[in-house]
Structure formats: structure tokens, C-alpha cells
PDB file of N, CA and C in Angstrom:
ATOM      1  N   MET A   1     142.319  34.079 -78.803  1.00  0.00           N
ATOM      2  CA  MET A   1     142.699  33.025 -77.865  1.00  0.00           C
ATOM      3  C   MET A   1     143.586  32.001 -78.588  1.00  0.00           C
ATOM      4  N   LYS A   2     144.712  31.676 -78.010  1.00  0.00           N
ATOM      5  CA  LYS A   2     145.628  30.707 -78.585  1.00  0.00           C
ATOM      6  C   LYS A   2     145.061  29.300 -78.427  1.00  0.00           C
ATOM      7  N   LYS A   3     145.099  28.548 -79.506  1.00  0.00           N
ATOM      8  CA  LYS A   3     144.614  27.176 -79.464  1.00  0.00           C
ATOM      9  C   LYS A   3     145.792  26.247 -79.222  1.00  0.00           C
ATOM     10  N   GLU A   4     145.626  25.328 -78.288  1.00  0.00           N
ATOM     11  CA  GLU A   4     146.673  24.369 -77.966  1.00  0.00           C
ATOM     12  C   GLU A   4     146.517  23.140 -78.861  1.00  0.00           C
ATOM     13  N   MET A   5     147.644  22.576 -79.286  1.00  0.00           N
ATOM     14  CA  MET A   5     147.615  21.380 -80.123  1.00  0.00           C
ATOM     15  C   MET A   5     146.884  20.243 -79.430  1.00  0.00           C
ATOM     16  N   SER A   6     147.086  20.101 -78.129  1.00  0.00           N
ATOM     17  CA  SER A   6     146.424  19.011 -77.413  1.00  0.00           C
ATOM     18  C   SER A   6     144.907  19.179 -77.433  1.00  0.00           C
ATOM     19  N   ASP A   7     144.432  20.423 -77.396  1.00  0.00           N
ATOM     20  CA  ASP A   7     142.995  20.667 -77.487  1.00  0.00           C
ATOM     21  C   ASP A   7     142.478  20.298 -78.872  1.00  0.00           C
ATOM     22  N   LEU A   8     143.266  20.598 -79.876  1.00  0.00           N
ATOM     23  CA  LEU A   8     142.885  20.270 -81.246  1.00  0.00           C
ATOM     24  C   LEU A   8     142.785  18.761 -81.415  1.00  0.00           C
ATOM     25  N   ILE A   9     143.794  18.056 -80.961  1.00  0.00           N
ATOM     26  CA  ILE A   9     143.811  16.601 -81.110  1.00  0.00           C
ATOM     27  C   ILE A   9     142.694  15.950 -80.315  1.00  0.00           C
ATOM     28  N   SER A  10     142.389  16.490 -79.146  1.00  0.00           N
ATOM     29  CA  SER A  10     141.338  15.891 -78.323  1.00  0.00           C
ATOM     30  C   SER A  10     139.938  16.232 -78.822  1.00  0.00           C
ATOM     31  N   GLY A  11     139.841  17.063 -79.862  1.00  0.00           N
ATOM     32  CA  GLY A  11     138.552  17.320 -80.484  1.00  0.00           C
ATOM     33  C   GLY A  11     137.856  18.583 -80.041  1.00  0.00           C
ATOM     34  N   LEU A  12     138.542  19.447 -79.316  1.00  0.00           N
ATOM     35  CA  LEU A  12     137.918  20.669 -78.831  1.00  0.00           C
ATOM     36  C   LEU A  12     137.518  21.612 -79.964  1.00  0.00           C
ATOM     37  N   TYR A  13     138.259  21.563 -81.079  1.00  0.00           N
ATOM     38  CA  TYR A  13     137.974  22.429 -82.220  1.00  0.00           C
ATOM     39  C   TYR A  13     137.663  21.571 -83.450  1.00  0.00           C
ATOM     40  N   PRO A  14     136.484  20.955 -83.499  1.00  0.00           N
ATOM     41  CA  PRO A  14     136.177  20.024 -84.591  1.00  0.00           C
ATOM     42  C   PRO A  14     136.232  20.665 -85.975  1.00  0.00           C
ATOM     43  N   GLU A  15     136.006  21.962 -86.067  1.00  0.00           N
ATOM     44  CA  GLU A  15     136.048  22.619 -87.376  1.00  0.00           C
ATOM     45  C   GLU A  15     137.438  22.571 -87.999  1.00  0.00           C
ATOM     46  N   PHE A  16     138.477  22.465 -87.184  1.00  0.00           N
ATOM     47  CA  PHE A  16     139.837  22.374 -87.702  1.00  0.00           C
ATOM     48  C   PHE A  16     140.216  20.933 -88.049  1.00  0.00           C
ATOM     49  N   LEU A  17     139.527  19.977 -87.462  1.00  0.00           N
ATOM     50  CA  LEU A  17     139.855  18.575 -87.692  1.00  0.00           C
ATOM     51  C   LEU A  17     139.345  18.057 -89.032  1.00  0.00           C
ATOM     52  N   GLU A  18     138.412  18.771 -89.637  1.00  0.00           N
ATOM     53  CA  GLU A  18     137.813  18.311 -90.890  1.00  0.00           C
ATOM     54  C   GLU A  18     138.841  18.047 -91.974  1.00  0.00           C
ATOM     55  N   ASN A  19     139.898  18.840 -92.036  1.00  0.00           N
ATOM     56  CA  ASN A  19     140.882  18.702 -93.108  1.00  0.00           C
ATOM     57  C   ASN A  19     142.115  17.901 -92.720  1.00  0.00           C
ATOM     58  N   LEU A  20     142.207  17.459 -91.463  1.00  0.00           N
ATOM     59  CA  LEU A  20     143.339  16.633 -91.055  1.00  0.00           C
ATOM     60  C   LEU A  20     143.123  15.203 -91.520  1.00  0.00           C
ATOM     61  N   GLN A  21     144.185  14.554 -91.886  1.00  0.00           N
ATOM     62  CA  GLN A  21     144.095  13.191 -92.388  1.00  0.00           C
ATOM     63  C   GLN A  21     144.777  12.190 -91.453  1.00  0.00           C
ATOM     64  N   ILE A  22     144.630  12.388 -90.153  1.00  0.00           N
ATOM     65  CA  ILE A  22     145.215  11.448 -89.196  1.00  0.00           C
ATOM     66  C   ILE A  22     144.401  10.153 -89.267  1.00  0.00           C
ATOM     67  N   PRO A  23     145.052   9.032 -89.545  1.00  0.00           N
ATOM     68  CA  PRO A  23     144.315   7.767 -89.644  1.00  0.00           C
ATOM     69  C   PRO A  23     143.563   7.457 -88.357  1.00  0.00           C
ATOM     70  N   ILE A  24     142.330   7.058 -88.489  1.00  0.00           N
ATOM     71  CA  ILE A  24     141.471   6.789 -87.335  1.00  0.00           C
ATOM     72  C   ILE A  24     142.074   5.698 -86.450  1.00  0.00           C
ATOM     73  N   GLU A  25     142.821   4.762 -87.038  1.00  0.00           N
ATOM     74  CA  GLU A  25     143.431   3.690 -86.254  1.00  0.00           C
ATOM     75  C   GLU A  25     144.379   4.259 -85.201  1.00  0.00           C
ATOM     76  N   ILE A  26     145.072   5.325 -85.558  1.00  0.00           N
ATOM     77  CA  ILE A  26     146.021   5.935 -84.626  1.00  0.00           C
ATOM     78  C   ILE A  26     145.279   6.639 -83.499  1.00  0.00           C
ATOM     79  N   THR A  27     144.235   7.356 -83.824  1.00  0.00           N
ATOM     80  CA  THR A  27     143.551   8.145 -82.809  1.00  0.00           C
ATOM     81  C   THR A  27     142.665   7.296 -81.897  1.00  0.00           C
ATOM     82  N   LYS A  28     142.297   6.100 -82.330  1.00  0.00           N
ATOM     83  CA  LYS A  28     141.393   5.280 -81.520  1.00  0.00           C
ATOM     84  C   LYS A  28     142.064   4.095 -80.835  1.00  0.00           C
ATOM     85  N   GLY A  29     143.146   3.567 -81.390  1.00  0.00           N
ATOM     86  CA  GLY A  29     143.707   2.346 -80.827  1.00  0.00           C
ATOM     87  C   GLY A  29     145.136   2.435 -80.355  1.00  0.00           C
ATOM     88  N   GLY A  30     145.701   3.617 -80.354  1.00  0.00           N
ATOM     89  CA  GLY A  30     147.098   3.761 -79.958  1.00  0.00           C
ATOM     90  C   GLY A  30     147.290   3.752 -78.450  1.00  0.00           C
ATOM     91  N   ALA A  31     148.506   3.472 -78.039  1.00  0.00           N
ATOM     92  CA  ALA A  31     148.849   3.474 -76.616  1.00  0.00           C
ATOM     93  C   ALA A  31     148.720   4.870 -76.017  1.00  0.00           C
ATOM     94  N   CYS A  32     148.744   5.894 -76.863  1.00  0.00           N
ATOM     95  CA  CYS A  32     148.668   7.276 -76.379  1.00  0.00           C
ATOM     96  C   CYS A  32     147.247   7.705 -76.023  1.00  0.00           C
ATOM     97  N   VAL A  33     146.251   6.908 -76.385  1.00  0.00           N
ATOM     98  CA  VAL A  33     144.872   7.251 -76.055  1.00  0.00           C
ATOM     99  C   VAL A  33     144.748   7.347 -74.540  1.00  0.00           C
ATOM    100  N   GLY A  34     144.310   8.484 -74.065  1.00  0.00           N
ATOM    101  CA  GLY A  34     144.170   8.708 -72.633  1.00  0.00           C
ATOM    102  C   GLY A  34     145.404   9.301 -71.970  1.00  0.00           C
ATOM    103  N   ALA A  35     146.519   9.342 -72.705  1.00  0.00           N
ATOM    104  CA  ALA A  35     147.749   9.930 -72.151  1.00  0.00           C
ATOM    105  C   ALA A  35     147.682  11.446 -72.237  1.00  0.00           C
ATOM    106  N   ASP A  36     148.513  12.109 -71.478  1.00  0.00           N
ATOM    107  CA  ASP A  36     148.614  13.563 -71.535  1.00  0.00           C
ATOM    108  C   ASP A  36     149.262  13.937 -72.859  1.00  0.00           C
ATOM    109  N   LEU A  37     148.501  14.485 -73.782  1.00  0.00           N
ATOM    110  CA  LEU A  37     149.005  14.795 -75.122  1.00  0.00           C
ATOM    111  C   LEU A  37     150.077  15.870 -75.119  1.00  0.00           C
ATOM    112  N   ASN A  38     150.162  16.648 -74.056  1.00  0.00           N
ATOM    113  CA  ASN A  38     151.222  17.657 -73.969  1.00  0.00           C
ATOM    114  C   ASN A  38     152.608  17.005 -73.977  1.00  0.00           C
ATOM    115  N   LEU A  39     152.691  15.761 -73.512  1.00  0.00           N
ATOM    116  CA  LEU A  39     153.970  15.050 -73.511  1.00  0.00           C
ATOM    117  C   LEU A  39     154.518  14.913 -74.930  1.00  0.00           C
ATOM    118  N   PHE A  40     153.631  14.747 -75.887  1.00  0.00           N
ATOM    119  CA  PHE A  40     154.023  14.476 -77.261  1.00  0.00           C
ATOM    120  C   PHE A  40     154.398  15.737 -78.044  1.00  0.00           C
ATOM    121  N   PHE A  41     154.182  16.883 -77.438  1.00  0.00           N
ATOM    122  CA  PHE A  41     154.500  18.149 -78.090  1.00  0.00           C
ATOM    123  C   PHE A  41     155.334  19.044 -77.182  1.00  0.00           C
ATOM    124  N   SER A  42     156.097  18.422 -76.312  1.00  0.00           N
ATOM    125  CA  SER A  42     156.925  19.131 -75.338  1.00  0.00           C
ATOM    126  C   SER A  42     158.364  19.231 -75.831  1.00  0.00           C
ATOM    127  N   GLU A  43     159.074  20.182 -75.292  1.00  0.00           N
ATOM    128  CA  GLU A  43     160.511  20.291 -75.552  1.00  0.00           C
ATOM    129  C   GLU A  43     161.311  19.862 -74.320  1.00  0.00           C
ATOM    130  N   ASN A  44     160.615  19.479 -73.271  1.00  0.00           N
ATOM    131  CA  ASN A  44     161.223  19.023 -72.032  1.00  0.00           C
ATOM    132  C   ASN A  44     161.727  17.583 -72.210  1.00  0.00           C
ATOM    133  N   ILE A  45     162.998  17.354 -71.941  1.00  0.00           N
ATOM    134  CA  ILE A  45     163.623  16.046 -72.151  1.00  0.00           C
ATOM    135  C   ILE A  45     162.893  14.931 -71.398  1.00  0.00           C
ATOM    136  N   ALA A  46     162.510  15.192 -70.156  1.00  0.00           N
ATOM    137  CA  ALA A  46     161.819  14.168 -69.363  1.00  0.00           C
ATOM    138  C   ALA A  46     160.457  13.827 -69.972  1.00  0.00           C
ATOM    139  N   GLU A  47     159.752  14.819 -70.465  1.00  0.00           N
ATOM    140  CA  GLU A  47     158.444  14.572 -71.075  1.00  0.00           C
ATOM    141  C   GLU A  47     158.592  13.857 -72.421  1.00  0.00           C
ATOM    142  N   ILE A  48     159.616  14.200 -73.177  1.00  0.00           N
ATOM    143  CA  ILE A  48     159.886  13.502 -74.437  1.00  0.00           C
ATOM    144  C   ILE A  48     160.170  12.028 -74.153  1.00  0.00           C
ATOM    145  N   LYS A  49     160.935  11.763 -73.103  1.00  0.00           N
ATOM    146  CA  LYS A  49     161.238  10.386 -72.716  1.00  0.00           C
ATOM    147  C   LYS A  49     159.963   9.632 -72.350  1.00  0.00           C
ATOM    148  N   GLN A  50     159.069  10.289 -71.612  1.00  0.00           N
ATOM    149  CA  GLN A  50     157.793   9.669 -71.248  1.00  0.00           C
ATOM    150  C   GLN A  50     156.983   9.343 -72.494  1.00  0.00           C
ATOM    151  N   ALA A  51     156.933  10.270 -73.432  1.00  0.00           N
ATOM    152  CA  ALA A  51     156.186  10.042 -74.668  1.00  0.00           C
ATOM    153  C   ALA A  51     156.758   8.849 -75.432  1.00  0.00           C
ATOM    154  N   ARG A  52     158.078   8.782 -75.508  1.00  0.00           N
ATOM    155  CA  ARG A  52     158.730   7.655 -76.197  1.00  0.00           C
ATOM    156  C   ARG A  52     158.421   6.324 -75.515  1.00  0.00           C
ATOM    157  N   GLU A  53     158.349   6.329 -74.197  1.00  0.00           N
ATOM    158  CA  GLU A  53     158.028   5.104 -73.464  1.00  0.00           C
ATOM    159  C   GLU A  53     156.611   4.640 -73.776  1.00  0.00           C
ATOM    160  N   ILE A  54     155.699   5.585 -73.894  1.00  0.00           N
ATOM    161  CA  ILE A  54     154.320   5.244 -74.259  1.00  0.00           C
ATOM    162  C   ILE A  54     154.305   4.633 -75.660  1.00  0.00           C
ATOM    163  N   CYS A  55     155.031   5.243 -76.575  1.00  0.00           N
ATOM    164  CA  CYS A  55     155.088   4.746 -77.957  1.00  0.00           C
ATOM    165  C   CYS A  55     155.757   3.371 -78.036  1.00  0.00           C
ATOM    166  N   GLY A  56     156.702   3.124 -77.138  1.00  0.00           N
ATOM    167  CA  GLY A  56     157.498   1.907 -77.199  1.00  0.00           C
ATOM    168  C   GLY A  56     156.697   0.628 -77.270  1.00  0.00           C
ATOM    169  N   GLY A  57     155.622   0.540 -76.528  1.00  0.00           N
ATOM    170  CA  GLY A  57     154.821  -0.676 -76.513  1.00  0.00           C
ATOM    171  C   GLY A  57     153.557  -0.598 -77.341  1.00  0.00           C
ATOM    172  N   CYS A  58     153.457   0.399 -78.166  1.00  0.00           N
ATOM    173  CA  CYS A  58     152.223   0.615 -78.926  1.00  0.00           C
ATOM    174  C   CYS A  58     152.144  -0.313 -80.137  1.00  0.00           C
ATOM    175  N   PRO A  59     151.018  -0.980 -80.314  1.00  0.00           N
ATOM    176  CA  PRO A  59     150.861  -1.857 -81.475  1.00  0.00           C
ATOM    177  C   PRO A  59     150.747  -1.080 -82.794  1.00  0.00           C
ATOM    178  N   LEU A  60     150.517   0.213 -82.715  1.00  0.00           N
ATOM    179  CA  LEU A  60     150.358   1.037 -83.914  1.00  0.00           C
ATOM    180  C   LEU A  60     151.571   1.914 -84.198  1.00  0.00           C
ATOM    181  N   LYS A  61     152.674   1.633 -83.528  1.00  0.00           N
ATOM    182  CA  LYS A  61     153.867   2.466 -83.644  1.00  0.00           C
ATOM    183  C   LYS A  61     154.326   2.618 -85.096  1.00  0.00           C
ATOM    184  N   ALA A  62     154.378   1.544 -85.845  1.00  0.00           N
ATOM    185  CA  ALA A  62     154.849   1.609 -87.238  1.00  0.00           C
ATOM    186  C   ALA A  62     153.899   2.427 -88.106  1.00  0.00           C
ATOM    187  N   LEU A  63     152.607   2.230 -87.940  1.00  0.00           N
ATOM    188  CA  LEU A  63     151.618   2.992 -88.700  1.00  0.00           C
ATOM    189  C   LEU A  63     151.716   4.474 -88.367  1.00  0.00           C
ATOM    190  N   CYS A  64     151.866   4.773 -87.113  1.00  0.00           N
ATOM    191  CA  CYS A  64     151.991   6.155 -86.655  1.00  0.00           C
ATOM    192  C   CYS A  64     153.243   6.807 -87.244  1.00  0.00           C
ATOM    193  N   LEU A  65     154.350   6.074 -87.227  1.00  0.00           N
ATOM    194  CA  LEU A  65     155.595   6.597 -87.785  1.00  0.00           C
ATOM    195  C   LEU A  65     155.474   6.815 -89.291  1.00  0.00           C
ATOM    196  N   ASP A  66     154.836   5.883 -89.986  1.00  0.00           N
ATOM    197  CA  ASP A  66     154.625   6.056 -91.428  1.00  0.00           C
ATOM    198  C   ASP A  66     153.847   7.330 -91.704  1.00  0.00           C
ATOM    199  N   TYR A  67     152.781   7.530 -90.947  1.00  0.00           N
ATOM    200  CA  TYR A  67     151.974   8.743 -91.108  1.00  0.00           C
ATOM    201  C   TYR A  67     152.808   9.991 -90.850  1.00  0.00           C
ATOM    202  N   ALA A  68     153.535   9.994 -89.739  1.00  0.00           N
ATOM    203  CA  ALA A  68     154.286  11.183 -89.332  1.00  0.00           C
ATOM    204  C   ALA A  68     155.429  11.517 -90.275  1.00  0.00           C
ATOM    205  N   THR A  69     156.016  10.509 -90.874  1.00  0.00           N
ATOM    206  CA  THR A  69     157.131  10.734 -91.786  1.00  0.00           C
ATOM    207  C   THR A  69     156.728  11.672 -92.917  1.00  0.00           C
ATOM    208  N   PHE A  70     155.502  11.584 -93.331  1.00  0.00           N
ATOM    209  CA  PHE A  70     155.035  12.401 -94.448  1.00  0.00           C
ATOM    210  C   PHE A  70     154.142  13.559 -94.043  1.00  0.00           C
ATOM    211  N   ALA A  71     153.578  13.518 -92.833  1.00  0.00           N
ATOM    212  CA  ALA A  71     152.536  14.496 -92.511  1.00  0.00           C
ATOM    213  C   ALA A  71     152.777  15.362 -91.291  1.00  0.00           C
ATOM    214  N   GLU A  72     153.693  15.014 -90.409  1.00  0.00           N
ATOM    215  CA  GLU A  72     153.837  15.760 -89.164  1.00  0.00           C
ATOM    216  C   GLU A  72     155.209  16.392 -89.023  1.00  0.00           C
ATOM    217  N   GLU A  73     155.200  17.683 -88.803  1.00  0.00           N
ATOM    218  CA  GLU A  73     156.433  18.437 -88.630  1.00  0.00           C
ATOM    219  C   GLU A  73     156.819  18.553 -87.156  1.00  0.00           C
ATOM    220  N   TYR A  74     155.860  18.405 -86.266  1.00  0.00           N
ATOM    221  CA  TYR A  74     156.088  18.612 -84.831  1.00  0.00           C
ATOM    222  C   TYR A  74     155.653  17.399 -84.036  1.00  0.00           C
ATOM    223  N   GLY A  75     156.259  17.256 -82.871  1.00  0.00           N
ATOM    224  CA  GLY A  75     155.800  16.272 -81.902  1.00  0.00           C
ATOM    225  C   GLY A  75     156.458  14.908 -82.017  1.00  0.00           C
ATOM    226  N   ILE A  76     156.112  14.079 -81.039  1.00  0.00           N
ATOM    227  CA  ILE A  76     156.560  12.697 -80.995  1.00  0.00           C
ATOM    228  C   ILE A  76     155.485  11.861 -81.671  1.00  0.00           C
ATOM    229  N   TRP A  77     155.865  11.154 -82.712  1.00  0.00           N
ATOM    230  CA  TRP A  77     154.958  10.264 -83.444  1.00  0.00           C
ATOM    231  C   TRP A  77     155.736   8.984 -83.701  1.00  0.00           C
ATOM    232  N   GLY A  78     155.150   7.855 -83.399  1.00  0.00           N
ATOM    233  CA  GLY A  78     155.830   6.588 -83.626  1.00  0.00           C
ATOM    234  C   GLY A  78     157.139   6.485 -82.849  1.00  0.00           C
ATOM    235  N   GLY A  79     157.223   7.172 -81.739  1.00  0.00           N
ATOM    236  CA  GLY A  79     158.412   7.116 -80.901  1.00  0.00           C
ATOM    237  C   GLY A  79     159.580   7.968 -81.382  1.00  0.00           C
ATOM    238  N   THR A  80     159.353   8.806 -82.381  1.00  0.00           N
ATOM    239  CA  THR A  80     160.439   9.624 -82.929  1.00  0.00           C
ATOM    240  C   THR A  80     160.123  11.108 -82.797  1.00  0.00           C
ATOM    241  N   THR A  81     161.179  11.894 -82.728  1.00  0.00           N
ATOM    242  CA  THR A  81     161.031  13.353 -82.745  1.00  0.00           C
ATOM    243  C   THR A  81     160.991  13.818 -84.185  1.00  0.00           C
ATOM    244  N   ALA A  82     160.606  15.060 -84.390  1.00  0.00           N
ATOM    245  CA  ALA A  82     160.587  15.630 -85.737  1.00  0.00           C
ATOM    246  C   ALA A  82     161.974  15.583 -86.371  1.00  0.00           C
ATOM    247  N   GLY A  83     163.002  15.837 -85.596  1.00  0.00           N
ATOM    248  CA  GLY A  83     164.369  15.811 -86.112  1.00  0.00           C
ATOM    249  C   GLY A  83     164.815  14.421 -86.545  1.00  0.00           C
ATOM    250  N   GLU A  84     164.317  13.412 -85.898  1.00  0.00           N
ATOM    251  CA  GLU A  84     164.662  12.031 -86.259  1.00  0.00           C
ATOM    252  C   GLU A  84     163.934  11.566 -87.516  1.00  0.00           C
ATOM    253  N   ARG A  85     162.800  12.191 -87.780  1.00  0.00           N
ATOM    254  CA  ARG A  85     162.055  11.803 -88.975  1.00  0.00           C
ATOM    255  C   ARG A  85     162.608  12.501 -90.184  1.00  0.00           C
TER     256      ARG A  85
END
């Protein structure tokens, strides 16, 4: 069975989360909490725009971007795409 990234992030597969180093501040206090996580891992321009809008007003945007610059190859983090990072 293929595992979806959004399921992983939402905690469906806790055994895989043990080795991830996503700062707890990002996962608990970000503007993306409660948002459709598929938006952040989409290739659809409209969904990417939606994800960026969510990030735009996030108080943790800089922390998220710092994390993603070194740790994330995919998705929208800190309002940026992988190519922008």
C-alpha cells in the first residue's frame, strides 16, 4: 500500500515519524495546522498558490523556511517551493 505524505505528517504512520526532525513548533503552531496538507505537496498551480497564501500570514514562516532549506526536498515550506529553496 502506498503511503501518502499527508498521512505521514498527520501521524498515521508514527513508526516513520520517530526519525524525522521536524521542529515541534512548526507542527503545532503553524498556520497550516488544520489545512489540507495535500496543498503543500501538490504540483497544481492553484493549490501551490493556496499553500503560499496560508504560509503568508504564518508567525512561524521564517522558522519553517530555515528548517526546509536544510531538510526538505519536496513541498511548500515557509512559503517557498523546493526549486526556490
